[in-house]
């Protein structure tokens, strides 16, 4: 008979939040300089070609979800978000997010040896109640000392800050992001719960609250693992209150963005907004896309179906006083369906399940794809609750497209040796790609402890949490029509704002962008399907593609 051991650790409750009298204003602190290692593999090619170091001293590095060993490799279902935005899952800081540095340059402050030190400078200095550090330890727990540096040349010191090993630790901001061995390109999924990046709060003294923080200095203060510092965020203060609860409602080519009035009242001069296909946040000098003088919403038109957009809005309090920007990510052409027929039972299986295993109690839902469109990618989210001596770590689940029989590549597992609720969220799934009409999905869920067959007693999928979202794209033209159209278009949209999408990028060896005088302004080897050109000025350019078969294609394109 299976005997469970009682957990021997307990979480300490923080009392600092009790005295918080004002709304928390979370802002990422953007790192301008000081990172010394690229430990995140991305793009197409061997992982060693897009990294210059590892996380743990034994060849393992992180991966971005866009990493592919070759152009024909299966897309990953795990990894760090391609846009580098980490939305923290720590319950006490809802809405807090971090912005990682580019995966194509140094993105970690890596401190291998005792007394190794580094200083990170921020491009958006601000005052804060609390600074949050996003970090992890490679090959074991480790400790660091941190100096928070102020613009008046003073600093506040935090000593003996513990950073957990990148596997199994608590207070993580993100988990289940996988890793790769850069010596042989072996991938490890982490079973949906590892590795992890941890959120570490640094509370600023009352005497320093009015000071502007312009950077931090981090020093490895003991033996143990290798600290990797990735990003910072802050609970900041601004007398001009920010909009809240930014939401998006989309059609195939439009989006209506709405937001709530700041807690301290509506701003005297309305709101300003900015949107882009690049996740690069606007700064205080960025020219807004537009303004809203009355109301709390705006509709954006002529958007690209399936394209990821980033929308920011801020309050205009007059006299050149503005709130912080608030961001919402959205994709035109998404359709969702949620299961609302009750809790979904789990089936008992202690022998181990595989992606092809079936259950007697799957939860099923359907999505109706509008005529003229097909599925480009699929996302799924749900929550599973363990009770009656069941543990979250005993949860197993997988999403299946029952229309074509495709399943996810691996089983997802919960984490934690206690009862409770564990949340699941996976994006970029390809199991239903290309399907049209009514598309059906099954969520199969199991437990490794408790009772027999199907039951909700020990583990279950909570009612109203199982949601499938599909991102759509226009249906591919018929063969004779597509042949004619292919001669006309090698990239789209035209005109474009920041990003060009290359048709059949897997066949492209090199992309070269020149201005009309013939000067090369950008060259990309083995480009992905999305070519970011946000740094270019508005105007006309020539895009030339050298194909892997030796042929050359070119087209004129306009940047707005």
Protein backbone atom coordinates (compact mmCIF):
# COMPACT_ATOMS: atom_id res chain seq x y z
CA UNK A 1 0.00 0.00 0.00
CA UNK A 2 1.25 3.47 -0.85
CA UNK A 3 2.06 5.57 2.21
CA UNK A 4 2.42 9.33 1.89
CA UNK A 5 4.91 11.33 3.92
CA UNK A 6 3.76 14.63 5.33
CA UNK A 7 5.58 17.64 3.92
CA UNK A 8 8.29 18.84 6.30
CA UNK A 9 8.61 22.38 4.98
CA UNK A 10 6.30 25.33 5.37
CA UNK A 11 6.06 28.62 3.58
CA UNK A 12 6.76 31.72 5.65
CA UNK A 13 4.15 34.44 5.36
CA UNK A 14 5.32 37.92 4.45
CA UNK A 15 4.02 40.73 6.60
CA UNK A 16 5.38 43.52 4.46
CA UNK A 17 2.37 43.59 2.14
CA UNK A 18 0.03 44.29 5.04
CA UNK A 19 1.26 47.85 5.29
CA UNK A 20 0.88 48.50 1.55
CA UNK A 21 -1.63 51.33 1.37
CA UNK A 22 -1.46 52.18 -2.32
CA UNK A 23 -2.03 50.15 -5.45
CA UNK A 24 1.04 48.30 -6.64
CA UNK A 25 2.55 49.66 -9.83
CA UNK A 26 4.70 46.97 -11.40
CA UNK A 27 7.21 47.98 -14.03
CA UNK A 28 10.03 46.00 -15.67
CA UNK A 29 13.48 47.53 -15.18
CA UNK A 30 15.12 47.32 -18.59
CA UNK A 31 18.80 46.33 -18.53
CA UNK A 32 20.95 48.65 -20.61
CA UNK A 33 24.37 47.09 -19.95
CA UNK A 34 26.30 44.68 -17.75
CA UNK A 35 25.12 41.23 -18.88
CA UNK A 36 28.09 38.96 -19.59
CA UNK A 37 26.80 35.65 -21.00
CA UNK A 38 24.40 34.34 -23.63
CA UNK A 39 22.87 31.21 -22.07
CA UNK A 40 19.67 31.00 -24.16
CA UNK A 41 19.69 29.02 -27.42
CA UNK A 42 17.39 30.43 -30.08
CA UNK A 43 16.68 30.38 -33.80
CA UNK A 44 17.68 27.67 -36.26
CA UNK A 45 20.96 25.80 -35.92
CA UNK A 46 23.09 24.02 -33.30
CA UNK A 47 22.57 25.45 -29.80
CA UNK A 48 26.29 26.24 -29.49
CA UNK A 49 25.95 28.66 -32.41
CA UNK A 50 23.49 30.89 -30.53
CA UNK A 51 25.05 30.74 -27.04
CA UNK A 52 28.46 31.54 -25.61
CA UNK A 53 28.13 29.89 -22.18
CA UNK A 54 26.01 27.52 -20.13
CA UNK A 55 23.86 28.04 -17.04
CA UNK A 56 25.32 25.34 -14.80
CA UNK A 57 28.97 24.73 -15.69
CA UNK A 58 28.22 21.32 -17.24
CA UNK A 59 27.00 22.35 -20.71
CA UNK A 60 23.28 22.94 -20.12
CA UNK A 61 21.63 26.15 -21.33
CA UNK A 62 18.10 27.50 -21.61
CA UNK A 63 16.15 27.49 -24.87
CA UNK A 64 13.71 29.81 -26.57
CA UNK A 65 10.49 28.35 -27.95
CA UNK A 66 11.66 29.28 -31.48
CA UNK A 67 14.77 27.07 -31.24
CA UNK A 68 15.08 24.45 -33.97
CA UNK A 69 18.13 22.31 -34.63
CA UNK A 70 17.23 22.36 -38.33
CA UNK A 71 14.58 24.18 -40.33
CA UNK A 72 12.56 20.94 -40.51
CA UNK A 73 12.75 20.14 -36.78
CA UNK A 74 9.45 19.95 -34.92
CA UNK A 75 8.54 23.21 -33.15
CA UNK A 76 9.05 23.14 -29.39
CA UNK A 77 6.09 23.06 -27.02
CA UNK A 78 8.22 24.43 -24.15
CA UNK A 79 10.98 26.99 -23.67
CA UNK A 80 11.27 30.67 -22.79
CA UNK A 81 8.76 32.96 -24.53
CA UNK A 82 10.04 34.17 -27.89
CA UNK A 83 9.30 37.79 -26.96
CA UNK A 84 11.28 37.53 -23.71
CA UNK A 85 8.35 38.65 -21.55
CA UNK A 86 8.05 36.65 -18.32
CA UNK A 87 4.66 37.09 -16.64
CA UNK A 88 5.33 36.08 -13.04
CA UNK A 89 3.10 33.37 -11.56
CA UNK A 90 3.93 34.36 -7.97
CA UNK A 91 0.49 34.80 -6.38
CA UNK A 92 1.43 37.81 -4.25
CA UNK A 93 2.48 39.93 -7.27
CA UNK A 94 -0.32 39.65 -9.85
CA UNK A 95 0.53 41.60 -12.98
CA UNK A 96 4.29 41.70 -12.40
CA UNK A 97 6.36 40.94 -15.50
CA UNK A 98 10.00 40.93 -16.56
CA UNK A 99 11.64 41.70 -19.90
CA UNK A 100 14.58 39.45 -20.74
CA UNK A 101 17.44 40.76 -22.87
CA UNK A 102 17.74 39.66 -26.49
CA UNK A 103 18.38 35.95 -26.97
CA UNK A 104 20.85 36.87 -29.72
CA UNK A 105 23.23 38.68 -27.36
CA UNK A 106 24.30 38.44 -23.72
CA UNK A 107 21.20 37.80 -21.61
CA UNK A 108 22.54 36.72 -18.19
CA UNK A 109 24.84 38.09 -15.51
CA UNK A 110 26.66 34.81 -14.84
CA UNK A 111 28.83 34.66 -11.71
CA UNK A 112 30.73 31.38 -11.67
CA UNK A 113 33.34 31.94 -8.96
CA UNK A 114 33.14 33.27 -5.41
CA UNK A 115 33.55 37.08 -5.40
CA UNK A 116 32.74 37.36 -9.11
CA UNK A 117 30.74 40.59 -9.48
CA UNK A 118 28.88 42.57 -12.10
CA UNK A 119 26.92 45.83 -12.35
CA UNK A 120 23.73 46.14 -14.38
CA UNK A 121 22.54 49.59 -15.47
CA UNK A 122 18.88 50.30 -16.24
CA UNK A 123 17.65 52.30 -19.23
CA UNK A 124 14.50 53.37 -17.36
CA UNK A 125 15.60 54.45 -13.85
CA UNK A 126 12.77 54.91 -11.36
CA UNK A 127 11.92 55.03 -7.66
CA UNK A 128 10.51 51.90 -6.05
CA UNK A 129 9.10 50.36 -2.92
CA UNK A 130 10.44 46.92 -3.84
CA UNK A 131 12.84 45.63 -6.48
CA UNK A 132 12.32 42.08 -7.77
CA UNK A 133 15.25 40.03 -9.11
CA UNK A 134 14.69 37.21 -11.64
CA UNK A 135 17.45 34.65 -11.20
CA UNK A 136 18.35 30.98 -10.95
CA UNK A 137 21.21 28.83 -9.72
CA UNK A 138 22.94 26.39 -12.06
CA UNK A 139 24.21 23.12 -10.48
CA UNK A 140 22.95 23.93 -6.99
CA UNK A 141 21.70 26.60 -4.62
CA UNK A 142 23.91 29.69 -4.31
CA UNK A 143 24.09 33.03 -2.49
CA UNK A 144 24.75 36.57 -3.65
CA UNK A 145 25.12 40.04 -2.19
CA UNK A 146 23.19 42.78 -3.96
CA UNK A 147 23.74 46.54 -3.94
CA UNK A 148 20.79 48.57 -5.24
CA UNK A 149 22.47 51.69 -6.65
CA UNK A 150 20.82 55.11 -6.55
CA UNK A 151 21.42 58.11 -8.77
CA UNK A 152 22.87 60.13 -5.86
CA UNK A 153 25.77 57.62 -5.70
CA UNK A 154 24.45 55.92 -2.56
CA UNK A 155 23.34 52.30 -2.38
CA UNK A 156 21.41 49.83 -0.22
CA UNK A 157 23.02 46.45 0.46
CA UNK A 158 21.31 43.06 0.70
CA UNK A 159 23.60 40.27 1.91
CA UNK A 160 23.33 36.50 1.75
CA UNK A 161 20.46 36.41 -0.76
CA UNK A 162 19.71 32.76 -1.56
CA UNK A 163 19.03 31.66 -5.14
CA UNK A 164 17.64 28.14 -5.55
CA UNK A 165 18.92 25.56 -8.01
CA UNK A 166 17.06 25.73 -11.31
CA UNK A 167 15.23 22.47 -10.50
CA UNK A 168 12.54 22.00 -7.84
CA UNK A 169 12.79 25.36 -5.96
CA UNK A 170 9.85 27.43 -4.72
CA UNK A 171 8.75 31.04 -5.38
CA UNK A 172 9.38 30.63 -9.09
CA UNK A 173 8.20 33.22 -11.59
CA UNK A 174 8.15 30.68 -14.42
CA UNK A 175 8.70 26.92 -14.64
CA UNK A 176 8.76 24.10 -17.18
CA UNK A 177 10.94 25.94 -19.70
CA UNK A 178 13.25 23.04 -20.57
CA UNK A 179 16.96 23.07 -21.37
CA UNK A 180 19.51 21.83 -23.92
CA UNK A 181 22.99 20.33 -23.73
CA UNK A 182 25.04 22.65 -25.94
CA UNK A 183 27.73 20.00 -26.43
CA UNK A 184 25.41 17.51 -28.17
CA UNK A 185 22.05 19.34 -28.64
CA UNK A 186 20.13 16.89 -26.44
CA UNK A 187 16.84 18.52 -25.41
CA UNK A 188 15.14 18.04 -22.03
CA UNK A 189 11.54 19.17 -21.60
CA UNK A 190 11.61 19.25 -17.79
CA UNK A 191 8.24 17.43 -17.76
CA UNK A 192 6.35 20.71 -17.64
CA UNK A 193 7.72 21.81 -14.26
CA UNK A 194 11.47 22.42 -14.66
CA UNK A 195 13.82 24.25 -15.01
CA UNK A 196 12.71 27.39 -13.18
CA UNK A 197 13.48 31.09 -12.79
CA UNK A 198 12.91 32.51 -9.31
CA UNK A 199 11.48 35.82 -8.10
CA UNK A 200 13.48 37.40 -5.26
CA UNK A 201 12.12 40.57 -3.57
CA UNK A 202 14.45 43.32 -2.33
CA UNK A 203 12.54 45.77 -0.12
CA UNK A 204 13.80 49.35 -0.28
CA UNK A 205 14.27 51.22 3.02
CA UNK A 206 11.90 54.10 3.76
CA UNK A 207 14.82 56.55 3.64
CA UNK A 208 15.54 55.52 0.04
CA UNK A 209 12.02 55.50 -1.40
CA UNK A 210 12.36 58.91 -3.04
CA UNK A 211 15.68 58.02 -4.68
CA UNK A 212 15.97 56.94 -8.30
CA UNK A 213 17.38 53.46 -8.86
CA UNK A 214 19.76 53.40 -11.79
CA UNK A 215 21.24 49.92 -11.43
CA UNK A 216 22.32 47.01 -9.26
CA UNK A 217 25.62 45.34 -8.42
CA UNK A 218 25.52 41.59 -7.75
CA UNK A 219 28.39 39.58 -6.20
CA UNK A 220 28.61 35.82 -5.65
CA UNK A 221 29.18 35.60 -1.89
CA UNK A 222 29.69 31.89 -1.28
CA UNK A 223 30.32 28.50 -2.79
CA UNK A 224 27.66 26.34 -4.38
CA UNK A 225 25.96 26.72 -7.74
CA UNK A 226 26.38 29.37 -10.41
CA UNK A 227 24.12 32.46 -10.04
CA UNK A 228 22.49 33.62 -13.28
CA UNK A 229 20.74 37.00 -13.04
CA UNK A 230 18.34 37.62 -15.94
CA UNK A 231 16.06 40.56 -15.22
CA UNK A 232 14.61 43.01 -12.70
CA UNK A 233 11.23 44.59 -12.08
CA UNK A 234 9.94 47.05 -9.51
CA UNK A 235 6.88 48.09 -7.54
CA UNK A 236 7.19 51.71 -8.63
CA UNK A 237 5.50 54.98 -7.68
CA UNK A 238 4.10 57.60 -10.02
CA UNK A 239 1.68 60.42 -9.01
CA UNK A 240 -0.03 60.05 -12.40
CA UNK A 241 -2.09 56.89 -12.00
CA UNK A 242 -1.95 54.19 -14.67
CA UNK A 243 -4.88 52.61 -16.54
CA UNK A 244 -5.71 49.12 -15.34
CA UNK A 245 -7.26 45.88 -16.61
CA UNK A 246 -6.27 46.37 -20.25
CA UNK A 247 -8.27 43.93 -22.40
CA UNK A 248 -8.50 43.07 -26.10
CA UNK A 249 -11.41 41.88 -28.23
CA UNK A 250 -10.44 40.84 -31.77
CA UNK A 251 -11.93 39.94 -35.13
CA UNK A 252 -9.96 38.59 -38.10
CA UNK A 253 -8.34 41.97 -38.84
CA UNK A 254 -9.40 44.39 -36.09
CA UNK A 255 -8.99 44.72 -32.34
CA UNK A 256 -10.77 46.81 -29.76
CA UNK A 257 -8.59 47.61 -26.76
CA UNK A 258 -10.22 48.78 -23.53
CA UNK A 259 -8.95 49.66 -20.06
CA UNK A 260 -10.08 50.79 -16.63
CA UNK A 261 -9.83 54.24 -15.08
CA UNK A 262 -6.85 54.62 -12.68
CA UNK A 263 -7.64 54.07 -9.01
CA UNK A 264 -6.92 57.74 -8.23
CA UNK A 265 -9.35 58.99 -10.88
CA UNK A 266 -9.54 59.73 -14.60
CA UNK A 267 -6.57 61.69 -16.00
CA UNK A 268 -7.26 65.29 -16.97
CA UNK A 269 -6.05 64.95 -20.57
CA UNK A 270 -7.18 61.43 -21.45
CA UNK A 271 -4.88 58.65 -22.62
CA UNK A 272 -2.15 57.96 -25.15
CA UNK A 273 -1.59 54.61 -26.85
CA UNK A 274 1.09 52.90 -28.92
CA UNK A 275 1.09 49.56 -30.73
CA UNK A 276 3.62 47.52 -32.67
CA UNK A 277 4.50 44.00 -33.79
CA UNK A 278 7.68 44.32 -31.75
CA UNK A 279 7.66 43.64 -27.98
CA UNK A 280 10.11 46.52 -27.44
CA UNK A 281 8.37 48.75 -24.90
CA UNK A 282 7.89 52.45 -25.64
CA UNK A 283 9.95 54.86 -23.57
CA UNK A 284 9.30 58.41 -22.38
CA UNK A 285 10.53 59.71 -25.76
CA UNK A 286 8.46 57.35 -27.96
CA UNK A 287 5.90 59.09 -30.15
CA UNK A 288 2.46 57.60 -29.37
CA UNK A 289 0.42 56.05 -32.17
CA UNK A 290 -2.62 58.03 -31.08
CA UNK A 291 -4.64 59.43 -28.20
CA UNK A 292 -8.07 59.01 -26.62
CA UNK A 293 -9.50 62.23 -25.15
CA UNK A 294 -12.79 60.70 -24.01
CA UNK A 295 -13.70 57.15 -23.16
CA UNK A 296 -11.50 54.19 -22.32
CA UNK A 297 -11.20 52.23 -25.56
CA UNK A 298 -9.83 52.38 -29.09
CA UNK A 299 -10.35 50.19 -32.19
CA UNK A 300 -7.39 49.29 -34.41
CA UNK A 301 -8.11 48.39 -38.04
CA UNK A 302 -6.32 46.72 -40.98
CA UNK A 303 -4.44 44.27 -38.78
CA UNK A 304 -2.85 41.02 -40.00
CA UNK A 305 -4.65 37.80 -39.09
CA UNK A 306 -2.46 35.59 -36.90
CA UNK A 307 0.12 38.33 -36.21
CA UNK A 308 1.11 39.01 -32.59
CA UNK A 309 0.66 42.68 -31.64
CA UNK A 310 1.70 44.60 -28.53
CA UNK A 311 -0.46 47.48 -27.31
CA UNK A 312 0.49 50.01 -24.62
CA UNK A 313 -1.68 52.70 -23.03
CA UNK A 314 -0.82 55.43 -20.49
CA UNK A 315 -2.62 58.25 -18.70
CA UNK A 316 -1.99 61.85 -19.75
CA UNK A 317 -2.29 63.95 -16.60
CA UNK A 318 -1.39 67.21 -18.36
CA UNK A 319 1.67 69.46 -17.99
CA UNK A 320 3.89 66.72 -19.48
CA UNK A 321 2.94 64.33 -16.69
CA UNK A 322 2.28 60.74 -17.79
CA UNK A 323 1.70 57.43 -16.08
CA UNK A 324 3.67 54.27 -16.79
CA UNK A 325 2.77 52.43 -19.97
CA UNK A 326 0.50 49.39 -19.50
CA UNK A 327 0.82 46.58 -22.06
CA UNK A 328 -1.56 44.03 -23.60
CA UNK A 329 -0.50 41.36 -26.10
CA UNK A 330 -3.12 40.24 -28.62
CA UNK A 331 -3.50 38.32 -31.89
CA UNK A 332 -6.25 39.13 -34.42
CA UNK A 333 -8.00 36.02 -35.66
CA UNK A 334 -8.23 33.94 -32.50
CA UNK A 335 -11.22 31.78 -31.52
CA UNK A 336 -11.66 30.21 -28.08
CA UNK A 337 -13.94 27.63 -26.50
CA UNK A 338 -14.26 26.72 -22.79
CA UNK A 339 -15.57 23.50 -21.24
CA UNK A 340 -18.41 24.30 -18.80
CA UNK A 341 -20.14 20.94 -18.28
CA UNK A 342 -18.64 20.31 -14.84
CA UNK A 343 -15.39 19.00 -13.41
CA UNK A 344 -13.49 16.58 -15.66
CA UNK A 345 -12.61 13.33 -13.93
CA UNK A 346 -9.14 11.80 -13.94
CA UNK A 347 -8.45 8.14 -14.63
CA UNK A 348 -6.24 6.14 -12.23
CA UNK A 349 -3.00 4.83 -13.77
CA UNK A 350 0.06 4.17 -11.63
CA UNK A 351 1.99 2.30 -14.35
CA UNK A 352 2.68 5.36 -16.50
CA UNK A 353 0.88 6.97 -19.42
CA UNK A 354 2.16 7.98 -22.87
CA UNK A 355 0.87 10.46 -25.49
CA UNK A 356 -1.12 7.62 -27.06
CA UNK A 357 -2.83 6.53 -23.83
CA UNK A 358 -6.62 6.92 -23.69
CA UNK A 359 -9.09 7.53 -20.86
CA UNK A 360 -12.74 6.73 -20.21
CA UNK A 361 -13.49 10.27 -19.04
CA UNK A 362 -11.92 12.83 -21.37
CA UNK A 363 -13.35 16.34 -21.52
CA UNK A 364 -14.32 17.32 -25.09
CA UNK A 365 -15.02 20.64 -26.79
CA UNK A 366 -15.31 21.96 -30.33
CA UNK A 367 -14.19 25.10 -32.12
CA UNK A 368 -15.88 26.36 -35.28
CA UNK A 369 -13.34 27.84 -37.67
CA UNK A 370 -14.88 30.59 -39.85
CA UNK A 371 -15.06 29.97 -43.60
CA UNK A 372 -11.96 31.09 -45.45
CA UNK A 373 -9.59 30.38 -42.55
CA UNK A 374 -7.64 27.45 -41.15
CA UNK A 375 -5.84 26.84 -37.85
CA UNK A 376 -2.31 28.20 -37.61
CA UNK A 377 -1.59 27.18 -33.99
CA UNK A 378 -3.35 26.05 -30.81
CA UNK A 379 -3.09 27.02 -27.14
CA UNK A 380 -4.59 25.31 -24.11
CA UNK A 381 -5.06 26.30 -20.47
CA UNK A 382 -6.72 24.57 -17.51
CA UNK A 383 -6.39 24.01 -13.77
CA UNK A 384 -6.28 20.70 -11.91
CA UNK A 385 -7.08 20.36 -8.22
CA UNK A 386 -5.78 17.63 -5.92
CA UNK A 387 -7.72 16.77 -2.73
CA UNK A 388 -8.40 13.92 -0.25
CA UNK A 389 -4.67 13.08 0.14
CA UNK A 390 -4.06 13.42 -3.62
CA UNK A 391 -1.01 15.42 -4.64
CA UNK A 392 -0.51 17.91 -7.45
CA UNK A 393 2.60 15.99 -8.56
CA UNK A 394 0.34 13.00 -9.30
CA UNK A 395 -1.47 14.82 -12.11
CA UNK A 396 -0.93 13.77 -15.74
CA UNK A 397 -2.67 15.29 -18.77
CA UNK A 398 -2.46 15.85 -22.52
CA UNK A 399 -4.44 17.67 -25.24
CA UNK A 400 -5.60 15.66 -28.25
CA UNK A 401 -7.07 16.90 -31.51
CA UNK A 402 -9.69 14.19 -31.99
CA UNK A 403 -10.51 15.45 -35.48
CA UNK A 404 -7.19 14.22 -36.90
CA UNK A 405 -5.89 12.09 -34.00
CA UNK A 406 -2.82 14.25 -33.32
CA UNK A 407 -1.58 14.57 -29.73
CA UNK A 408 0.94 16.71 -27.96
CA UNK A 409 4.48 15.33 -28.01
CA UNK A 410 4.67 14.73 -24.26
CA UNK A 411 2.55 14.27 -21.14
CA UNK A 412 2.28 17.25 -18.77
CA UNK A 413 2.74 16.67 -15.03
CA UNK A 414 1.92 18.71 -11.94
CA UNK A 415 4.38 19.60 -9.20
CA UNK A 416 4.14 19.60 -5.42
CA UNK A 417 3.80 17.02 -2.66
CA UNK A 418 0.55 18.43 -1.31
CA UNK A 419 -3.06 18.92 -2.29
CA UNK A 420 -3.93 22.14 -4.09
CA UNK A 421 -4.56 23.59 -7.53
CA UNK A 422 -1.97 23.49 -10.31
CA UNK A 423 -2.35 25.61 -13.46
CA UNK A 424 -1.37 24.56 -16.98
CA UNK A 425 -0.82 26.81 -19.98
CA UNK A 426 0.74 25.72 -23.27
CA UNK A 427 0.96 27.73 -26.49
CA UNK A 428 2.18 27.22 -30.03
CA UNK A 429 0.83 23.67 -30.39
CA UNK A 430 0.70 22.33 -33.96
CA UNK A 431 -1.69 19.41 -33.42
CA UNK A 432 -4.57 21.01 -35.39
CA UNK A 433 -2.66 23.04 -37.96
CA UNK A 434 -4.40 23.43 -41.32
CA UNK A 435 -7.81 22.18 -40.14
CA UNK A 436 -11.02 23.95 -41.11
CA UNK A 437 -14.69 23.75 -40.19
CA UNK A 438 -15.58 22.16 -36.84
CA UNK A 439 -12.46 20.97 -35.00
CA UNK A 440 -12.74 18.78 -31.90
CA UNK A 441 -10.36 18.55 -28.94
CA UNK A 442 -10.11 16.16 -25.98
CA UNK A 443 -8.34 16.79 -22.69
CA UNK A 444 -7.22 13.46 -21.25
CA UNK A 445 -6.31 13.52 -17.56
CA UNK A 446 -4.94 10.87 -15.19
CA UNK A 447 -3.80 10.50 -11.61
CA UNK A 448 -1.18 8.12 -10.19
CA UNK A 449 -2.83 7.72 -6.77
CA UNK A 450 -6.28 7.08 -5.36
CA UNK A 451 -9.17 4.76 -6.10
CA UNK A 452 -9.73 3.21 -9.50
CA UNK A 453 -10.96 4.11 -12.99
CA UNK A 454 -12.50 7.59 -13.37
CA UNK A 455 -13.05 9.82 -10.34
CA UNK A 456 -12.79 13.43 -9.19
CA UNK A 457 -12.06 12.56 -5.55
CA UNK A 458 -8.26 12.74 -5.61
CA UNK A 459 -7.54 14.83 -8.72
CA UNK A 460 -9.75 16.56 -11.27
CA UNK A 461 -9.79 19.25 -13.96
CA UNK A 462 -11.77 22.18 -12.58
CA UNK A 463 -14.99 23.16 -14.31
CA UNK A 464 -14.72 26.26 -16.50
CA UNK A 465 -10.90 26.23 -16.68
CA UNK A 466 -10.33 24.02 -19.74
CA UNK A 467 -9.99 26.50 -22.61
CA UNK A 468 -8.67 25.92 -26.12
CA UNK A 469 -7.69 28.94 -28.23
CA UNK A 470 -6.79 28.64 -31.91
CA UNK A 471 -4.98 31.26 -33.96
CA UNK A 472 -6.27 31.40 -37.53
CA UNK A 473 -4.78 32.16 -40.91
CA UNK A 474 -6.34 32.62 -44.38
CA UNK A 475 -6.94 29.31 -46.17
CA UNK A 476 -4.26 28.37 -48.70
CA UNK A 477 -5.42 29.03 -52.26
CA UNK A 478 -6.21 26.27 -54.70
CA UNK A 479 -3.16 24.93 -56.58
CA UNK A 480 -3.67 26.80 -59.86
CA UNK A 481 -4.57 30.00 -58.04
CA UNK A 482 -1.70 29.66 -55.59
CA UNK A 483 0.81 29.19 -58.42
CA UNK A 484 -0.17 32.50 -59.92
CA UNK A 485 -0.24 34.19 -56.54
CA UNK A 486 3.19 32.84 -55.56
CA UNK A 487 4.73 34.79 -58.41
CA UNK A 488 3.30 37.98 -56.98
CA UNK A 489 4.13 37.63 -53.27
CA UNK A 490 7.23 36.41 -51.45
CA UNK A 491 6.59 38.40 -48.25
CA UNK A 492 3.63 40.08 -46.59
CA UNK A 493 1.97 42.37 -45.51
CA UNK A 494 2.79 45.18 -47.89
CA UNK A 495 2.93 47.88 -46.61
CA UNK A 496 4.15 46.64 -43.21
CA UNK A 497 4.65 48.30 -39.84
CA UNK A 498 7.57 46.51 -38.17
CA UNK A 499 7.59 42.88 -39.30
CA UNK A 500 7.61 41.20 -42.72
CA UNK A 501 6.48 37.59 -42.98
CA UNK A 502 8.48 35.52 -45.46
CA UNK A 503 6.63 32.90 -47.48
CA UNK A 504 8.21 29.42 -47.13
CA UNK A 505 11.11 30.74 -45.07
CA UNK A 506 12.41 27.20 -44.62
CA UNK A 507 13.58 27.38 -48.25
CA UNK A 508 15.43 30.69 -47.80
CA UNK A 509 19.21 30.75 -47.32
CA UNK A 510 19.64 34.52 -46.97
CA UNK A 511 17.44 37.62 -46.82
CA UNK A 512 18.91 41.00 -47.80
CA UNK A 513 17.12 44.33 -47.42
CA UNK A 514 18.40 47.35 -49.38
CA UNK A 515 17.18 50.89 -49.73
CA UNK A 516 16.36 52.31 -53.16
CA UNK A 517 19.95 53.57 -53.56
CA UNK A 518 21.22 50.00 -53.28
CA UNK A 519 22.71 50.30 -49.77
CA UNK A 520 22.29 47.11 -47.71
CA UNK A 521 20.46 47.94 -44.47
CA UNK A 522 19.95 44.40 -43.13
CA UNK A 523 21.17 40.86 -43.87
CA UNK A 524 19.77 37.74 -42.17
CA UNK A 525 21.06 34.22 -42.77
CA UNK A 526 18.52 31.39 -42.57
CA UNK A 527 15.70 33.79 -41.61
CA UNK A 528 12.62 32.63 -39.74
CA UNK A 529 9.15 33.36 -41.11
CA UNK A 530 9.10 36.70 -39.24
CA UNK A 531 11.66 39.33 -40.31
CA UNK A 532 11.70 42.21 -37.82
CA UNK A 533 12.55 45.55 -39.46
CA UNK A 534 11.32 47.93 -36.78
CA UNK A 535 14.65 49.78 -36.75
CA UNK A 536 14.22 50.98 -40.36
CA UNK A 537 12.81 54.38 -41.27
CA UNK A 538 9.52 54.59 -43.12
CA UNK A 539 9.94 54.27 -46.88
CA UNK A 540 10.39 51.84 -49.77
CA UNK A 541 12.89 48.97 -49.66
CA UNK A 542 13.94 46.01 -51.82
CA UNK A 543 13.81 42.54 -50.23
CA UNK A 544 16.02 39.97 -51.97
CA UNK A 545 15.84 36.28 -51.00
CA UNK A 546 18.58 33.83 -51.95
CA UNK A 547 16.96 30.42 -51.92
CA UNK A 548 18.62 27.18 -50.84
CA UNK A 549 18.26 25.87 -54.40
CA UNK A 550 20.37 28.79 -55.68
CA UNK A 551 17.51 30.84 -57.15
CA UNK A 552 16.94 34.49 -56.25
CA UNK A 553 13.63 36.24 -55.62
CA UNK A 554 13.03 39.92 -54.94
CA UNK A 555 10.19 42.32 -54.29
CA UNK A 556 9.64 45.94 -53.36
CA UNK A 557 8.04 46.58 -49.99
CA UNK A 558 6.98 49.65 -48.06
CA UNK A 559 7.52 50.32 -44.34
CA UNK A 560 4.93 52.60 -42.82
